[in-house]
C-alpha atoms as a PDB file:
ATOM      1  CA  MET A   1     184.855 317.211-139.200  1.00  0.00           C
ATOM      2  CA  ASP A   2     184.753 316.054-135.602  1.00  0.00           C
ATOM      3  CA  ASP A   3     187.538 314.059-133.951  1.00  0.00           C
ATOM      4  CA  LEU A   4     185.759 310.734-134.367  1.00  0.00           C
ATOM      5  CA  ASN A   5     185.626 311.195-138.137  1.00  0.00           C
ATOM      6  CA  TYR A   6     189.348 311.995-138.186  1.00  0.00           C
ATOM      7  CA  ASN A   7     189.995 308.824-136.185  1.00  0.00           C
ATOM      8  CA  TYR A   8     188.044 306.751-138.679  1.00  0.00           C
ATOM      9  CA  MET A   9     189.772 308.385-141.643  1.00  0.00           C
ATOM     10  CA  ALA A  10     193.203 307.733-140.128  1.00  0.00           C
ATOM     11  CA  LEU A  11     192.308 304.104-139.424  1.00  0.00           C
ATOM     12  CA  LEU A  12     190.908 303.667-142.933  1.00  0.00           C
ATOM     13  CA  GLU A  13     194.054 305.122-144.499  1.00  0.00           C
ATOM     14  CA  ALA A  14     196.292 302.928-142.348  1.00  0.00           C
ATOM     15  CA  ILE A  15     194.397 299.789-143.375  1.00  0.00           C
ATOM     16  CA  LEU A  16     193.724 300.501-147.044  1.00  0.00           C
ATOM     17  CA  SER A  17     196.819 302.445-148.027  1.00  0.00           C
ATOM     18  CA  PRO A  18     198.619 300.726-150.902  1.00  0.00           C
ATOM     19  CA  GLU A  19     201.928 301.731-149.303  1.00  0.00           C
ATOM     20  CA  GLU A  20     203.200 301.015-145.825  1.00  0.00           C
ATOM     21  CA  VAL A  21     203.429 304.153-143.738  1.00  0.00           C
ATOM     22  CA  LEU A  22     204.398 304.707-140.125  1.00  0.00           C
ATOM     23  CA  PRO A  23     201.160 305.095-138.124  1.00  0.00           C
ATOM     24  CA  ASP A  24     202.457 308.248-136.427  1.00  0.00           C
ATOM     25  CA  LEU A  25     202.697 309.992-139.805  1.00  0.00           C
ATOM     26  CA  ILE A  26     199.052 309.194-140.522  1.00  0.00           C
ATOM     27  CA  LEU A  27     197.976 310.407-137.073  1.00  0.00           C
ATOM     28  CA  TYR A  28     199.965 313.615-137.593  1.00  0.00           C
ATOM     29  CA  LYS A  29     198.381 314.130-141.009  1.00  0.00           C
ATOM     30  CA  TYR A  30     194.878 314.128-139.473  1.00  0.00           C
ATOM     31  CA  GLY A  31     195.872 316.299-136.502  1.00  0.00           C
ATOM     32  CA  LEU A  32     195.511 313.467-134.003  1.00  0.00           C
ATOM     33  CA  LEU A  33     199.151 313.649-132.928  1.00  0.00           C
ATOM     34  CA  GLU A  34     201.021 316.830-132.147  1.00  0.00           C
ATOM     35  CA  LEU A  35     204.727 316.875-132.938  1.00  0.00           C
ATOM     36  CA  SER A  36     207.382 319.538-132.604  1.00  0.00           C
ATOM     37  CA  PRO A  37     209.276 320.347-135.810  1.00  0.00           C
ATOM     38  CA  LYS A  38     212.244 318.309-134.550  1.00  0.00           C
ATOM     39  CA  GLU A  39     210.037 315.314-133.705  1.00  0.00           C
ATOM     40  CA  LEU A  40     208.447 315.493-137.162  1.00  0.00           C
ATOM     41  CA  LYS A  41     211.870 315.518-138.839  1.00  0.00           C
ATOM     42  CA  GLU A  42     212.963 312.534-136.727  1.00  0.00           C
ATOM     43  CA  LEU A  43     209.798 310.641-137.659  1.00  0.00           C
ATOM     44  CA  GLU A  44     210.278 311.450-141.337  1.00  0.00           C
ATOM     45  CA  ALA A  45     213.903 310.317-141.096  1.00  0.00           C
ATOM     46  CA  MET A  46     212.731 306.991-139.649  1.00  0.00           C
ATOM     47  CA  GLU A  47     210.315 306.585-142.558  1.00  0.00           C
ATOM     48  CA  MET A  48     213.035 307.521-145.054  1.00  0.00           C
ATOM     49  CA  LYS A  49     215.402 304.974-143.544  1.00  0.00           C
ATOM     50  CA  ARG A  50     212.690 302.299-143.666  1.00  0.00           C
ATOM     51  CA  LEU A  51     212.074 303.013-147.349  1.00  0.00           C
ATOM     52  CA  TYR A  52     215.796 303.015-148.066  1.00  0.00           C
ATOM     53  CA  LYS A  53     216.107 299.559-146.477  1.00  0.00           C
ATOM     54  CA  GLN A  54     213.319 298.418-148.820  1.00  0.00           C
ATOM     55  CA  LYS A  55     215.614 299.357-151.740  1.00  0.00           C
ATOM     56  CA  TRP A  56     214.019 302.698-152.582  1.00  0.00           C
ATOM     57  CA  THR A  57     216.465 305.151-154.162  1.00  0.00           C
ATOM     58  CA  TYR A  58     217.191 308.567-152.685  1.00  0.00           C
ATOM     59  CA  ARG A  59     215.391 310.078-155.675  1.00  0.00           C
ATOM     60  CA  GLU A  60     212.211 308.042-155.035  1.00  0.00           C
ATOM     61  CA  ILE A  61     212.257 308.955-151.343  1.00  0.00           C
ATOM     62  CA  ALA A  62     212.896 312.614-152.173  1.00  0.00           C
ATOM     63  CA  LYS A  63     209.910 312.654-154.516  1.00  0.00           C
ATOM     64  CA  ARG A  64     207.649 311.226-151.816  1.00  0.00           C
ATOM     65  CA  PHE A  65     208.742 313.829-149.246  1.00  0.00           C
ATOM     66  CA  HIS A  66     209.025 316.746-151.723  1.00  0.00           C
ATOM     67  CA  MET A  67     212.729 317.186-151.000  1.00  0.00           C
ATOM     68  CA  SER A  68     215.994 317.006-152.906  1.00  0.00           C
ATOM     69  CA  ASP A  69     218.058 313.807-153.053  1.00  0.00           C
ATOM     70  CA  SER A  70     220.787 315.422-150.977  1.00  0.00           C
ATOM     71  CA  GLY A  71     218.212 316.699-148.462  1.00  0.00           C
ATOM     72  CA  VAL A  72     216.992 313.152-147.901  1.00  0.00           C
ATOM     73  CA  TYR A  73     220.547 311.895-147.452  1.00  0.00           C
ATOM     74  CA  ARG A  74     221.393 314.673-144.965  1.00  0.00           C
ATOM     75  CA  ARG A  75     218.230 314.147-142.927  1.00  0.00           C
ATOM     76  CA  MET A  76     218.765 310.382-142.779  1.00  0.00           C
ATOM     77  CA  LYS A  77     222.373 310.911-141.755  1.00  0.00           C
ATOM     78  CA  ARG A  78     221.486 313.483-139.105  1.00  0.00           C
ATOM     79  CA  PHE A  79     218.668 311.520-137.466  1.00  0.00           C
ATOM     80  CA  GLY A  80     219.325 307.982-138.622  1.00  0.00           C
ATOM     81  CA  GLY A  81     223.092 307.660-138.481  1.00  0.00           C
ATOM     82  CA  GLN A  82     223.996 304.029-139.054  1.00  0.00           C
ATOM     83  CA  GLY A  83     223.114 302.068-142.152  1.00  0.00           C
ATOM     84  CA  ILE A  84     223.403 304.905-144.623  1.00  0.00           C
ATOM     85  CA  GLU A  85     225.810 304.505-147.499  1.00  0.00           C
END
């Protein structure tokens, strides 16, 4: 698939996705944004924190990111800091 198709697919997913997702995660998924492992973890932590503020449980977030409940908590605490109970 050429880059233009990836751009269209990313845009389509961003518009039609039944769930809200940070645009950078969609761009990363289609290879349109390069992130270091640390940057990816920070971005995922931002998304986890956003979901947590929307009253998602740690278990629901963990399922979405294929992690353990405690892994989600630790990542949010490491990169998110404030607002975590």
